[in-house]
C-alpha atoms as a PDB file:
ATOM      1  CA  MET A   1     -22.761 -27.618  -0.565  1.00  0.00           C
ATOM      2  CA  ALA A   2     -20.686 -26.608  -3.500  1.00  0.00           C
ATOM      3  CA  ILE A   3     -21.096 -23.216  -4.907  1.00  0.00           C
ATOM      4  CA  PRO A   4     -21.568 -23.147  -8.745  1.00  0.00           C
ATOM      5  CA  VAL A   5     -18.629 -21.750 -10.724  1.00  0.00           C
ATOM      6  CA  PHE A   6     -18.668 -20.940 -14.415  1.00  0.00           C
ATOM      7  CA  ARG A   7     -15.953 -20.568 -16.938  1.00  0.00           C
ATOM      8  CA  LYS A   8     -15.804 -19.127 -20.483  1.00  0.00           C
ATOM      9  CA  THR A   9     -16.023 -21.536 -23.427  1.00  0.00           C
ATOM     10  CA  ASP A  10     -13.968 -21.055 -26.533  1.00  0.00           C
ATOM     11  CA  ALA A  11     -16.887 -19.179 -27.988  1.00  0.00           C
ATOM     12  CA  GLY A  12     -17.092 -16.954 -24.843  1.00  0.00           C
ATOM     13  CA  ARG A  13     -13.343 -16.060 -25.064  1.00  0.00           C
ATOM     14  CA  ALA A  14     -13.818 -15.277 -28.823  1.00  0.00           C
ATOM     15  CA  GLU A  15     -16.856 -13.112 -28.036  1.00  0.00           C
ATOM     16  CA  ILE A  16     -14.890 -10.945 -25.797  1.00  0.00           C
ATOM     17  CA  GLY A  17     -12.793  -9.717 -28.786  1.00  0.00           C
ATOM     18  CA  LEU A  18     -15.338 -10.108 -31.639  1.00  0.00           C
ATOM     19  CA  ARG A  19     -18.500  -8.763 -30.091  1.00  0.00           C
ATOM     20  CA  GLN A  20     -20.738 -10.614 -32.540  1.00  0.00           C
ATOM     21  CA  ALA A  21     -23.359 -11.975 -30.118  1.00  0.00           C
ATOM     22  CA  GLY A  22     -25.129  -8.729 -29.549  1.00  0.00           C
ATOM     23  CA  LEU A  23     -24.823  -8.805 -25.768  1.00  0.00           C
ATOM     24  CA  SER A  24     -26.062  -5.973 -23.624  1.00  0.00           C
ATOM     25  CA  PRO A  25     -23.368  -4.051 -21.800  1.00  0.00           C
ATOM     26  CA  VAL A  26     -24.225  -5.697 -18.413  1.00  0.00           C
ATOM     27  CA  THR A  27     -24.391  -9.143 -19.918  1.00  0.00           C
ATOM     28  CA  ARG A  28     -20.999  -8.547 -21.537  1.00  0.00           C
ATOM     29  CA  ARG A  29     -19.597  -7.446 -18.279  1.00  0.00           C
ATOM     30  CA  VAL A  30     -20.803 -10.612 -16.604  1.00  0.00           C
ATOM     31  CA  LEU A  31     -19.128 -12.582 -19.433  1.00  0.00           C
ATOM     32  CA  ILE A  32     -15.846 -10.720 -18.793  1.00  0.00           C
ATOM     33  CA  LEU A  33     -16.030 -11.287 -15.047  1.00  0.00           C
ATOM     34  CA  VAL A  34     -16.593 -15.058 -15.390  1.00  0.00           C
ATOM     35  CA  LYS A  35     -13.159 -16.485 -14.927  1.00  0.00           C
ATOM     36  CA  GLY A  36     -13.697 -19.984 -13.633  1.00  0.00           C
ATOM     37  CA  ARG A  37     -12.686 -19.217 -10.031  1.00  0.00           C
ATOM     38  CA  ASP A  38     -15.382 -17.191  -8.525  1.00  0.00           C
ATOM     39  CA  GLY A  39     -18.674 -18.534  -7.560  1.00  0.00           C
ATOM     40  CA  VAL A  40     -22.100 -17.014  -8.238  1.00  0.00           C
ATOM     41  CA  ALA A  41     -22.056 -15.576  -4.700  1.00  0.00           C
ATOM     42  CA  ALA A  42     -18.796 -13.693  -5.420  1.00  0.00           C
ATOM     43  CA  LEU A  43     -20.196 -12.353  -8.656  1.00  0.00           C
ATOM     44  CA  SER A  44     -23.329 -11.311  -6.954  1.00  0.00           C
ATOM     45  CA  ALA A  45     -21.230  -9.382  -4.352  1.00  0.00           C
ATOM     46  CA  LEU A  46     -20.047  -7.114  -7.232  1.00  0.00           C
ATOM     47  CA  GLY A  47     -23.635  -5.700  -7.398  1.00  0.00           C
ATOM     48  CA  LEU A  48     -24.451  -6.909 -10.912  1.00  0.00           C
ATOM     49  CA  PRO A  49     -28.164  -6.531 -11.505  1.00  0.00           C
ATOM     50  CA  ASP A  50     -30.185  -9.672 -12.518  1.00  0.00           C
ATOM     51  CA  LEU A  51     -27.093 -11.911 -12.378  1.00  0.00           C
ATOM     52  CA  PRO A  52     -28.927 -15.214 -12.644  1.00  0.00           C
ATOM     53  CA  GLU A  53     -30.667 -14.055 -15.883  1.00  0.00           C
ATOM     54  CA  HIS A  54     -27.405 -12.910 -17.457  1.00  0.00           C
ATOM     55  CA  LEU A  55     -25.688 -16.254 -16.477  1.00  0.00           C
ATOM     56  CA  ALA A  56     -28.666 -18.209 -17.953  1.00  0.00           C
ATOM     57  CA  LEU A  57     -28.462 -16.226 -21.214  1.00  0.00           C
ATOM     58  CA  LEU A  58     -24.646 -16.671 -21.525  1.00  0.00           C
ATOM     59  CA  ARG A  59     -25.024 -20.381 -20.800  1.00  0.00           C
ATOM     60  CA  ALA A  60     -27.852 -20.693 -23.402  1.00  0.00           C
ATOM     61  CA  ARG A  61     -25.724 -19.151 -26.068  1.00  0.00           C
ATOM     62  CA  GLY A  62     -22.856 -21.393 -25.149  1.00  0.00           C
ATOM     63  CA  LEU A  63     -20.477 -18.719 -24.043  1.00  0.00           C
ATOM     64  CA  ILE A  64     -20.118 -20.121 -20.513  1.00  0.00           C
ATOM     65  CA  GLU A  65     -20.229 -23.563 -18.889  1.00  0.00           C
ATOM     66  CA  PRO A  66     -20.178 -24.891 -15.408  1.00  0.00           C
ATOM     67  CA  ASP A  67     -16.656 -25.543 -14.214  1.00  0.00           C
ATOM     68  CA  ALA A  68     -15.815 -29.121 -13.218  1.00  0.00           C
ATOM     69  CA  VAL A  69     -14.048 -27.997 -10.008  1.00  0.00           C
ATOM     70  CA  PRO A  70     -16.493 -26.264  -7.644  1.00  0.00           C
ATOM     71  CA  ALA A  71     -15.381 -23.172  -5.667  1.00  0.00           C
ATOM     72  CA  PRO A  72     -14.347 -23.835  -2.059  1.00  0.00           C
ATOM     73  CA  GLU A  73     -16.858 -23.269   0.675  1.00  0.00           C
ATOM     74  CA  PRO A  74     -16.880 -19.803   2.182  1.00  0.00           C
ATOM     75  CA  VAL A  75     -14.710 -19.593   5.341  1.00  0.00           C
ATOM     76  CA  PRO A  76     -16.642 -18.920   8.516  1.00  0.00           C
ATOM     77  CA  ALA A  77     -16.345 -15.383   9.851  1.00  0.00           C
ATOM     78  CA  ALA A  78     -15.306 -16.522  13.324  1.00  0.00           C
ATOM     79  CA  LEU A  79     -12.492 -19.058  13.901  1.00  0.00           C
ATOM     80  CA  PRO A  80     -13.149 -21.974  16.186  1.00  0.00           C
ATOM     81  CA  ALA A  81     -11.975 -21.509  19.701  1.00  0.00           C
ATOM     82  CA  ALA A  82      -9.155 -24.130  19.295  1.00  0.00           C
ATOM     83  CA  VAL A  83      -7.703 -22.085  16.467  1.00  0.00           C
ATOM     84  CA  ALA A  84      -8.132 -18.717  18.120  1.00  0.00           C
ATOM     85  CA  GLU A  85      -6.218 -19.660  21.141  1.00  0.00           C
ATOM     86  CA  PRO A  86      -2.379 -19.080  20.962  1.00  0.00           C
ATOM     87  CA  VAL A  87      -0.246 -22.165  20.674  1.00  0.00           C
ATOM     88  CA  ALA A  88       2.460 -21.060  23.043  1.00  0.00           C
ATOM     89  CA  ALA A  89       3.154 -18.035  25.199  1.00  0.00           C
ATOM     90  CA  PRO A  90       5.571 -15.545  23.586  1.00  0.00           C
ATOM     91  CA  LEU A  91       9.184 -15.879  24.654  1.00  0.00           C
ATOM     92  CA  ALA A  92      10.446 -13.243  27.150  1.00  0.00           C
ATOM     93  CA  PRO A  93      13.517 -11.377  25.860  1.00  0.00           C
ATOM     94  CA  ALA A  94      16.857 -12.667  27.244  1.00  0.00           C
ATOM     95  CA  GLU A  95      18.063  -9.131  27.979  1.00  0.00           C
ATOM     96  CA  PRO A  96      15.941  -6.103  28.881  1.00  0.00           C
ATOM     97  CA  VAL A  97      15.164  -3.814  25.964  1.00  0.00           C
ATOM     98  CA  ALA A  98      17.229  -0.621  25.830  1.00  0.00           C
ATOM     99  CA  ALA A  99      15.400   2.401  27.130  1.00  0.00           C
ATOM    100  CA  TRP A 100      14.679   5.314  24.786  1.00  0.00           C
ATOM    101  CA  PRO A 101      17.585   7.637  24.353  1.00  0.00           C
ATOM    102  CA  PRO A 102      17.862  10.000  27.303  1.00  0.00           C
ATOM    103  CA  GLU A 103      16.442  13.475  26.959  1.00  0.00           C
ATOM    104  CA  PRO A 104      18.961  15.982  25.769  1.00  0.00           C
ATOM    105  CA  SER A 105      20.288  18.496  28.203  1.00  0.00           C
ATOM    106  CA  ALA A 106      18.894  22.032  28.124  1.00  0.00           C
ATOM    107  CA  ASP A 107      22.084  23.223  26.447  1.00  0.00           C
ATOM    108  CA  GLU A 108      21.903  20.663  23.782  1.00  0.00           C
ATOM    109  CA  ALA A 109      18.200  21.310  23.207  1.00  0.00           C
ATOM    110  CA  GLU A 110      18.879  25.020  22.782  1.00  0.00           C
ATOM    111  CA  ALA A 111      21.786  24.279  20.377  1.00  0.00           C
ATOM    112  CA  VAL A 112      19.568  22.019  18.288  1.00  0.00           C
ATOM    113  CA  LEU A 113      16.860  24.608  18.178  1.00  0.00           C
ATOM    114  CA  GLY A 114      19.360  27.315  16.964  1.00  0.00           C
ATOM    115  CA  LEU A 115      20.701  24.967  14.258  1.00  0.00           C
ATOM    116  CA  GLN A 116      17.213  24.090  13.235  1.00  0.00           C
ATOM    117  CA  ARG A 117      16.292  27.723  12.711  1.00  0.00           C
ATOM    118  CA  GLN A 118      19.493  28.478  10.762  1.00  0.00           C
ATOM    119  CA  ALA A 119      19.105  25.306   8.561  1.00  0.00           C
ATOM    120  CA  PHE A 120      15.468  26.112   7.877  1.00  0.00           C
ATOM    121  CA  LEU A 121      16.301  29.660   6.660  1.00  0.00           C
ATOM    122  CA  ARG A 122      19.033  28.289   4.405  1.00  0.00           C
ATOM    123  CA  LEU A 123      16.919  25.479   3.047  1.00  0.00           C
ATOM    124  CA  ARG A 124      14.052  27.786   2.325  1.00  0.00           C
ATOM    125  CA  GLN A 125      16.204  29.406  -0.339  1.00  0.00           C
ATOM    126  CA  HIS A 126      16.354  26.119  -2.223  1.00  0.00           C
ATOM    127  CA  PHE A 127      12.966  24.542  -1.518  1.00  0.00           C
ATOM    128  CA  GLY A 128      10.668  27.484  -0.955  1.00  0.00           C
ATOM    129  CA  PRO A 129       7.322  26.673   0.594  1.00  0.00           C
ATOM    130  CA  ASP A 130       7.990  23.014   0.561  1.00  0.00           C
ATOM    131  CA  THR A 131      10.878  23.347   3.088  1.00  0.00           C
ATOM    132  CA  ALA A 132       8.855  22.319   6.107  1.00  0.00           C
ATOM    133  CA  THR A 133       7.731  19.066   4.385  1.00  0.00           C
ATOM    134  CA  ILE A 134      11.160  18.265   2.955  1.00  0.00           C
ATOM    135  CA  ALA A 135      12.987  19.005   6.291  1.00  0.00           C
ATOM    136  CA  GLU A 136      10.395  17.410   8.605  1.00  0.00           C
ATOM    137  CA  ALA A 137      12.787  14.979  10.114  1.00  0.00           C
ATOM    138  CA  MET A 138      15.354  17.702  10.718  1.00  0.00           C
ATOM    139  CA  LEU A 139      12.767  19.914  12.362  1.00  0.00           C
ATOM    140  CA  ALA A 140      11.571  16.985  14.547  1.00  0.00           C
ATOM    141  CA  ALA A 141      15.127  16.190  15.743  1.00  0.00           C
ATOM    142  CA  ARG A 142      15.620  16.511  19.563  1.00  0.00           C
ATOM    143  CA  SER A 143      19.289  15.864  19.830  1.00  0.00           C
ATOM    144  CA  LEU A 144      22.439  16.854  17.921  1.00  0.00           C
ATOM    145  CA  ALA A 145      22.911  13.306  16.573  1.00  0.00           C
ATOM    146  CA  GLN A 146      19.312  13.111  15.254  1.00  0.00           C
ATOM    147  CA  PHE A 147      19.658  16.555  13.783  1.00  0.00           C
ATOM    148  CA  ARG A 148      22.891  15.815  11.928  1.00  0.00           C
ATOM    149  CA  ALA A 149      21.563  12.509  10.592  1.00  0.00           C
ATOM    150  CA  ALA A 150      18.386  14.136   9.259  1.00  0.00           C
ATOM    151  CA  VAL A 151      20.532  16.879   7.627  1.00  0.00           C
ATOM    152  CA  SER A 152      22.673  14.284   5.967  1.00  0.00           C
ATOM    153  CA  VAL A 153      19.517  12.641   4.409  1.00  0.00           C
ATOM    154  CA  LEU A 154      18.797  15.962   2.696  1.00  0.00           C
ATOM    155  CA  GLU A 155      22.093  15.953   0.720  1.00  0.00           C
ATOM    156  CA  PRO A 156      20.675  14.087  -2.404  1.00  0.00           C
ATOM    157  CA  ARG A 157      17.771  16.560  -2.612  1.00  0.00           C
ATOM    158  CA  LEU A 158      20.185  19.441  -2.375  1.00  0.00           C
ATOM    159  CA  SER A 159      22.401  17.922  -5.045  1.00  0.00           C
ATOM    160  CA  ILE A 160      19.507  18.326  -7.432  1.00  0.00           C
ATOM    161  CA  HIS A 161      19.621  22.052  -7.012  1.00  0.00           C
ATOM    162  CA  LEU A 162      23.281  22.626  -6.253  1.00  0.00           C
ATOM    163  CA  GLY A 163      25.244  19.719  -7.700  1.00  0.00           C
ATOM    164  CA  ARG A 164      27.157  17.172  -5.637  1.00  0.00           C
ATOM    165  CA  ARG A 165      30.025  19.274  -4.462  1.00  0.00           C
ATOM    166  CA  GLU A 166      27.978  22.352  -3.399  1.00  0.00           C
ATOM    167  CA  ALA A 167      25.394  20.059  -1.721  1.00  0.00           C
ATOM    168  CA  ALA A 168      28.116  18.327   0.317  1.00  0.00           C
ATOM    169  CA  ARG A 169      29.514  21.743   1.344  1.00  0.00           C
ATOM    170  CA  GLU A 170      25.957  22.997   2.288  1.00  0.00           C
ATOM    171  CA  VAL A 171      25.257  19.927   4.378  1.00  0.00           C
ATOM    172  CA  GLY A 172      28.522  20.470   6.182  1.00  0.00           C
ATOM    173  CA  VAL A 173      27.426  24.020   6.990  1.00  0.00           C
ATOM    174  CA  LEU A 174      23.917  22.908   8.015  1.00  0.00           C
ATOM    175  CA  ARG A 175      25.273  20.184  10.354  1.00  0.00           C
ATOM    176  CA  GLY A 176      26.987  22.796  12.422  1.00  0.00           C
ATOM    177  CA  GLY A 177      30.570  21.796  11.676  1.00  0.00           C
END
């Protein structure tokens, strides 16, 4: 069963700009929402009160007309079993996936923690209470490589406050040499 679809007539498109037909605000809204692609069910889903009456009034005044191309049928909520089943099993990787980076040694973890504290104190001078948010990746780093990469990302933000040269120098100091 086809769902009725309406479209604006030339008079309906003119009414949008001219406002001469004396439409109520709700009827005018229905006229605006009629676009020739949504069926009555889709318009009803918008929660418009008394939609059939508004559509009948707009049609009687010649502002809308039925569209020649009906809206497609609604898609069923559940797919048929033949469509829901996978076509083929996923391919197994040719090589094993690399493991997560190894945990840093206790010495490296302590060094990273010390650098994070120093960097946080220096950055707080520039970013104030927003430092923890801005330096979140730096504070989450667990290895020296992660820490240094996160500090390098801060350089453009620092250059806003310090200029390019000073920001590059500051990043060098923050990275720990």
